[in-house]
Amino acid sequence: MPVQPQLFPDTPAAPEGQSPHAPAGAAVEAAAAAPIWLQRLSLFILVLFCMYLGVIVTVLPWWTQIWDHNLFFTSHPHLWAVLRLRPTRGVISGIGLLDIWIGISEAIHYHDQRS
């Protein structure tokens, strides 16, 4: 019966020009760093997405024209019995506020990873 080789060796192979006993983490970080403009663009898109989604999830449960007349909710009566409760709406709004906080936190704690 053939034996499968080890897929994830304990000691990774060193890149060319580097000794096998040198720390490989520095070489991986230097090679994996994206350009600064790309890092900032991805941060901007992440913050914009978190803020947009957070505002929608925070406001939507309290917008009765949309929430109370949703065909998906009204076609599932057991789900609608839970989702129309005010504490459930509050939990959903809390998730939206948490998403807004994540976006703000990412923007505040951002640091460029220079290569």
N, C-alpha and C. Protein backbone atom coordinates (compact mmCIF):
# COMPACT_ATOMS: atom_id res chain seq x y z
N MET A 1 0.85 -1.17 0.00
CA MET A 1 0.00 0.00 0.00
C MET A 1 0.90 1.24 0.00
N PRO A 2 0.66 2.23 -0.89
CA PRO A 2 1.52 3.42 -0.93
C PRO A 2 1.30 4.29 0.30
N VAL A 3 2.36 4.98 0.67
CA VAL A 3 2.31 5.87 1.83
C VAL A 3 2.27 7.31 1.34
N GLN A 4 1.35 8.08 1.89
CA GLN A 4 1.23 9.48 1.49
C GLN A 4 2.34 10.30 2.14
N PRO A 5 3.01 11.17 1.38
CA PRO A 5 4.07 11.98 1.97
C PRO A 5 3.48 13.01 2.93
N GLN A 6 4.32 13.55 3.78
CA GLN A 6 3.87 14.53 4.76
C GLN A 6 3.53 15.83 4.02
N LEU A 7 2.27 16.26 4.16
CA LEU A 7 1.81 17.43 3.43
C LEU A 7 2.29 18.73 4.06
N PHE A 8 2.37 18.80 5.35
CA PHE A 8 2.77 20.00 6.06
C PHE A 8 3.98 19.69 6.92
N PRO A 9 5.18 19.85 6.39
CA PRO A 9 6.37 19.53 7.18
C PRO A 9 6.53 20.50 8.34
N ASP A 10 7.18 20.01 9.39
CA ASP A 10 7.38 20.84 10.58
C ASP A 10 8.33 22.00 10.32
N THR A 11 9.33 21.77 9.51
CA THR A 11 10.30 22.83 9.20
C THR A 11 10.13 23.21 7.74
N PRO A 12 9.69 24.46 7.46
CA PRO A 12 9.50 24.87 6.07
C PRO A 12 10.85 25.03 5.38
N ALA A 13 10.83 24.82 4.08
CA ALA A 13 12.06 24.97 3.30
C ALA A 13 12.42 26.44 3.22
N ALA A 14 13.71 26.73 3.35
CA ALA A 14 14.19 28.11 3.31
C ALA A 14 14.26 28.58 1.87
N PRO A 15 13.93 29.87 1.61
CA PRO A 15 14.05 30.39 0.26
C PRO A 15 15.52 30.43 -0.17
N GLU A 16 15.75 30.51 -1.47
CA GLU A 16 17.11 30.52 -1.97
C GLU A 16 17.84 31.75 -1.44
N GLY A 17 19.10 31.56 -1.09
CA GLY A 17 19.91 32.67 -0.58
C GLY A 17 19.74 32.89 0.91
N GLN A 18 18.97 32.08 1.57
CA GLN A 18 18.74 32.24 3.01
C GLN A 18 19.06 30.91 3.67
N SER A 19 19.73 30.98 4.80
CA SER A 19 20.09 29.75 5.49
C SER A 19 18.84 29.11 6.08
N PRO A 20 18.84 27.78 6.22
CA PRO A 20 17.64 27.11 6.74
C PRO A 20 17.37 27.43 8.20
N HIS A 21 18.36 27.97 8.92
CA HIS A 21 18.17 28.27 10.34
C HIS A 21 17.81 29.73 10.58
N ALA A 22 17.73 30.55 9.54
CA ALA A 22 17.35 31.96 9.69
C ALA A 22 15.85 32.05 9.89
N PRO A 23 15.37 33.09 10.59
CA PRO A 23 13.92 33.23 10.80
C PRO A 23 13.22 33.48 9.47
N ALA A 24 12.25 32.63 9.16
CA ALA A 24 11.54 32.73 7.89
C ALA A 24 10.41 33.74 7.95
N GLY A 25 9.98 34.14 9.13
CA GLY A 25 8.86 35.07 9.28
C GLY A 25 9.14 36.42 8.65
N ALA A 26 10.37 36.92 8.76
CA ALA A 26 10.71 38.22 8.20
C ALA A 26 10.64 38.20 6.68
N ALA A 27 11.09 37.12 6.08
CA ALA A 27 11.05 37.02 4.62
C ALA A 27 9.62 36.91 4.12
N VAL A 28 8.77 36.20 4.84
CA VAL A 28 7.38 36.05 4.43
C VAL A 28 6.64 37.37 4.56
N GLU A 29 6.88 38.12 5.64
CA GLU A 29 6.21 39.41 5.83
C GLU A 29 6.64 40.40 4.77
N ALA A 30 7.94 40.42 4.42
CA ALA A 30 8.42 41.36 3.42
C ALA A 30 7.86 41.03 2.05
N ALA A 31 7.72 39.76 1.74
CA ALA A 31 7.19 39.38 0.44
C ALA A 31 5.68 39.55 0.37
N ALA A 32 4.98 39.49 1.48
CA ALA A 32 3.53 39.54 1.48
C ALA A 32 2.96 40.94 1.64
N ALA A 33 3.80 41.93 1.92
CA ALA A 33 3.29 43.28 2.14
C ALA A 33 2.79 43.88 0.83
N ALA A 34 1.57 44.41 0.85
CA ALA A 34 0.99 45.03 -0.33
C ALA A 34 1.44 46.49 -0.39
N PRO A 35 1.33 47.12 -1.55
CA PRO A 35 1.67 48.55 -1.64
C PRO A 35 0.78 49.36 -0.71
N ILE A 36 1.30 50.49 -0.26
CA ILE A 36 0.58 51.32 0.72
C ILE A 36 -0.75 51.81 0.16
N TRP A 37 -0.78 52.19 -1.12
CA TRP A 37 -2.03 52.68 -1.69
C TRP A 37 -3.10 51.58 -1.68
N LEU A 38 -2.67 50.33 -1.87
CA LEU A 38 -3.62 49.22 -1.86
C LEU A 38 -4.11 48.94 -0.44
N GLN A 39 -3.22 49.07 0.54
CA GLN A 39 -3.62 48.89 1.94
C GLN A 39 -4.64 49.95 2.33
N ARG A 40 -4.39 51.20 1.94
CA ARG A 40 -5.31 52.29 2.30
C ARG A 40 -6.64 52.17 1.56
N LEU A 41 -6.59 51.74 0.31
CA LEU A 41 -7.82 51.54 -0.44
C LEU A 41 -8.67 50.43 0.17
N SER A 42 -8.02 49.34 0.56
CA SER A 42 -8.77 48.24 1.17
C SER A 42 -9.33 48.66 2.53
N LEU A 43 -8.60 49.49 3.28
CA LEU A 43 -9.13 50.01 4.54
C LEU A 43 -10.35 50.89 4.29
N PHE A 44 -10.27 51.75 3.29
CA PHE A 44 -11.39 52.64 2.97
C PHE A 44 -12.63 51.83 2.59
N ILE A 45 -12.44 50.80 1.75
CA ILE A 45 -13.57 49.97 1.33
C ILE A 45 -14.14 49.21 2.52
N LEU A 46 -13.27 48.70 3.41
CA LEU A 46 -13.75 47.98 4.60
C LEU A 46 -14.55 48.89 5.51
N VAL A 47 -14.04 50.10 5.76
CA VAL A 47 -14.73 51.03 6.65
C VAL A 47 -16.05 51.46 6.02
N LEU A 48 -16.05 51.75 4.73
CA LEU A 48 -17.28 52.14 4.05
C LEU A 48 -18.32 51.02 4.09
N PHE A 49 -17.88 49.79 3.87
CA PHE A 49 -18.79 48.64 3.92
C PHE A 49 -19.35 48.44 5.32
N CYS A 50 -18.49 48.52 6.34
CA CYS A 50 -18.95 48.33 7.72
C CYS A 50 -19.94 49.42 8.13
N MET A 51 -19.66 50.66 7.76
CA MET A 51 -20.57 51.74 8.12
C MET A 51 -21.91 51.60 7.39
N TYR A 52 -21.86 51.30 6.11
CA TYR A 52 -23.09 51.16 5.32
C TYR A 52 -23.95 50.01 5.85
N LEU A 53 -23.33 48.86 6.02
CA LEU A 53 -24.06 47.71 6.51
C LEU A 53 -24.57 47.93 7.94
N GLY A 54 -23.75 48.58 8.77
CA GLY A 54 -24.16 48.84 10.15
C GLY A 54 -25.36 49.76 10.23
N VAL A 55 -25.38 50.80 9.42
CA VAL A 55 -26.52 51.72 9.43
C VAL A 55 -27.78 51.01 8.95
N ILE A 56 -27.66 50.21 7.91
CA ILE A 56 -28.84 49.49 7.41
C ILE A 56 -29.37 48.52 8.46
N VAL A 57 -28.48 47.75 9.08
CA VAL A 57 -28.93 46.75 10.06
C VAL A 57 -29.44 47.43 11.34
N THR A 58 -28.94 48.61 11.65
CA THR A 58 -29.42 49.32 12.83
C THR A 58 -30.80 49.92 12.60
N VAL A 59 -31.03 50.50 11.45
CA VAL A 59 -32.28 51.23 11.18
C VAL A 59 -33.40 50.33 10.67
N LEU A 60 -33.07 49.32 9.90
CA LEU A 60 -34.08 48.50 9.23
C LEU A 60 -35.12 47.86 10.15
N PRO A 61 -34.76 47.30 11.31
CA PRO A 61 -35.81 46.70 12.15
C PRO A 61 -36.84 47.70 12.68
N TRP A 62 -36.50 48.96 12.74
CA TRP A 62 -37.42 49.95 13.27
C TRP A 62 -38.17 50.69 12.16
N TRP A 63 -37.89 50.39 10.91
CA TRP A 63 -38.57 50.99 9.78
C TRP A 63 -39.77 50.11 9.45
N THR A 64 -40.93 50.48 9.98
CA THR A 64 -42.10 49.61 9.94
C THR A 64 -42.63 49.37 8.54
N GLN A 65 -42.46 50.31 7.63
CA GLN A 65 -42.95 50.11 6.26
C GLN A 65 -42.22 48.95 5.58
N ILE A 66 -40.96 48.76 5.92
CA ILE A 66 -40.19 47.69 5.31
C ILE A 66 -40.27 46.41 6.15
N TRP A 67 -40.08 46.53 7.46
CA TRP A 67 -39.97 45.38 8.34
C TRP A 67 -41.31 44.65 8.50
N ASP A 68 -42.39 45.40 8.69
CA ASP A 68 -43.69 44.77 8.96
C ASP A 68 -44.37 44.22 7.72
N HIS A 69 -43.99 44.68 6.55
CA HIS A 69 -44.64 44.24 5.32
C HIS A 69 -43.68 43.44 4.44
N ASN A 70 -42.74 42.76 5.05
CA ASN A 70 -41.77 41.94 4.33
C ASN A 70 -42.43 40.60 3.98
N LEU A 71 -42.44 40.26 2.70
CA LEU A 71 -43.11 39.04 2.26
C LEU A 71 -42.40 37.78 2.77
N PHE A 72 -41.10 37.83 2.94
CA PHE A 72 -40.38 36.67 3.46
C PHE A 72 -40.80 36.38 4.90
N PHE A 73 -40.86 37.44 5.71
CA PHE A 73 -41.24 37.26 7.12
C PHE A 73 -42.69 36.80 7.24
N THR A 74 -43.58 37.42 6.49
CA THR A 74 -45.00 37.06 6.60
C THR A 74 -45.30 35.66 6.04
N SER A 75 -44.46 35.15 5.14
CA SER A 75 -44.68 33.80 4.63
C SER A 75 -44.14 32.73 5.57
N HIS A 76 -43.38 33.12 6.58
CA HIS A 76 -42.86 32.19 7.59
C HIS A 76 -43.38 32.65 8.96
N PRO A 77 -44.55 32.19 9.36
CA PRO A 77 -45.18 32.70 10.58
C PRO A 77 -44.39 32.42 11.86
N HIS A 78 -43.67 31.31 11.93
CA HIS A 78 -42.90 31.02 13.15
C HIS A 78 -41.72 31.98 13.27
N LEU A 79 -41.10 32.30 12.16
CA LEU A 79 -40.01 33.26 12.16
C LEU A 79 -40.53 34.66 12.46
N TRP A 80 -41.67 34.99 11.88
CA TRP A 80 -42.25 36.32 12.08
C TRP A 80 -42.68 36.53 13.53
N ALA A 81 -43.10 35.47 14.20
CA ALA A 81 -43.49 35.59 15.60
C ALA A 81 -42.32 36.03 16.47
N VAL A 82 -41.12 35.66 16.10
CA VAL A 82 -39.92 36.05 16.86
C VAL A 82 -39.40 37.40 16.40
N LEU A 83 -39.39 37.64 15.09
CA LEU A 83 -38.77 38.85 14.55
C LEU A 83 -39.60 40.12 14.79
N ARG A 84 -40.87 39.98 15.10
CA ARG A 84 -41.66 41.18 15.35
C ARG A 84 -41.54 41.67 16.79
N LEU A 85 -40.92 40.88 17.65
CA LEU A 85 -40.74 41.29 19.05
C LEU A 85 -39.70 42.40 19.15
N ARG A 86 -39.95 43.36 20.02
CA ARG A 86 -39.04 44.49 20.16
C ARG A 86 -37.66 44.09 20.68
N PRO A 87 -37.54 43.15 21.61
CA PRO A 87 -36.19 42.74 22.01
C PRO A 87 -35.37 42.13 20.87
N THR A 88 -36.03 41.40 19.99
CA THR A 88 -35.33 40.84 18.84
C THR A 88 -34.87 41.96 17.90
N ARG A 89 -35.72 42.95 17.71
CA ARG A 89 -35.32 44.10 16.90
C ARG A 89 -34.15 44.84 17.56
N GLY A 90 -34.15 44.91 18.87
CA GLY A 90 -33.05 45.55 19.58
C GLY A 90 -31.74 44.80 19.43
N VAL A 91 -31.81 43.48 19.45
CA VAL A 91 -30.59 42.68 19.27
C VAL A 91 -30.04 42.88 17.86
N ILE A 92 -30.93 42.90 16.87
CA ILE A 92 -30.48 43.11 15.49
C ILE A 92 -29.87 44.50 15.34
N SER A 93 -30.48 45.51 15.96
CA SER A 93 -29.91 46.86 15.92
C SER A 93 -28.57 46.91 16.64
N GLY A 94 -28.45 46.15 17.72
CA GLY A 94 -27.16 46.09 18.42
C GLY A 94 -26.06 45.49 17.56
N ILE A 95 -26.40 44.50 16.75
CA ILE A 95 -25.42 43.94 15.82
C ILE A 95 -25.01 44.99 14.79
N GLY A 96 -25.96 45.81 14.36
CA GLY A 96 -25.62 46.90 13.44
C GLY A 96 -24.71 47.93 14.08
N LEU A 97 -24.96 48.26 15.35
CA LEU A 97 -24.08 49.21 16.06
C LEU A 97 -22.69 48.61 16.25
N LEU A 98 -22.63 47.31 16.50
CA LEU A 98 -21.34 46.64 16.62
C LEU A 98 -20.58 46.69 15.30
N ASP A 99 -21.27 46.55 14.21
CA ASP A 99 -20.63 46.63 12.89
C ASP A 99 -20.10 48.05 12.63
N ILE A 100 -20.84 49.06 13.02
CA ILE A 100 -20.35 50.44 12.89
C ILE A 100 -19.11 50.62 13.75
N TRP A 101 -19.12 50.07 14.96
CA TRP A 101 -17.96 50.19 15.84
C TRP A 101 -16.73 49.50 15.25
N ILE A 102 -16.93 48.36 14.62
CA ILE A 102 -15.81 47.65 13.98
C ILE A 102 -15.20 48.52 12.89
N GLY A 103 -16.02 49.16 12.08
CA GLY A 103 -15.51 50.04 11.03
C GLY A 103 -14.72 51.21 11.59
N ILE A 104 -15.24 51.84 12.64
CA ILE A 104 -14.54 52.97 13.26
C ILE A 104 -13.24 52.50 13.90
N SER A 105 -13.28 51.37 14.57
CA SER A 105 -12.08 50.83 15.22
C SER A 105 -10.99 50.50 14.20
N GLU A 106 -11.37 49.92 13.07
CA GLU A 106 -10.39 49.62 12.03
C GLU A 106 -9.76 50.89 11.49
N ALA A 107 -10.55 51.95 11.35
CA ALA A 107 -10.00 53.21 10.85
C ALA A 107 -9.07 53.86 11.86
N ILE A 108 -9.39 53.76 13.14
CA ILE A 108 -8.55 54.38 14.18
C ILE A 108 -7.25 53.64 14.37
N HIS A 109 -7.27 52.34 14.35
CA HIS A 109 -6.10 51.52 14.66
C HIS A 109 -5.32 51.09 13.43
N TYR A 110 -5.48 51.79 12.33
CA TYR A 110 -4.80 51.41 11.09
C TYR A 110 -3.33 51.85 11.13
N HIS A 111 -2.45 50.97 10.68
CA HIS A 111 -1.03 51.29 10.54
C HIS A 111 -0.57 50.73 9.19
N ASP A 112 0.20 51.54 8.46
CA ASP A 112 0.77 51.06 7.20
C ASP A 112 1.77 49.95 7.48
N GLN A 113 1.75 48.92 6.65
CA GLN A 113 2.76 47.86 6.73
C GLN A 113 3.74 48.09 5.61
N ARG A 114 4.80 48.75 5.94
CA ARG A 114 5.80 49.08 4.92
C ARG A 114 6.70 47.89 4.67
N SER A 115 7.03 47.71 3.40
CA SER A 115 7.87 46.57 3.04
C SER A 115 9.32 46.97 2.96
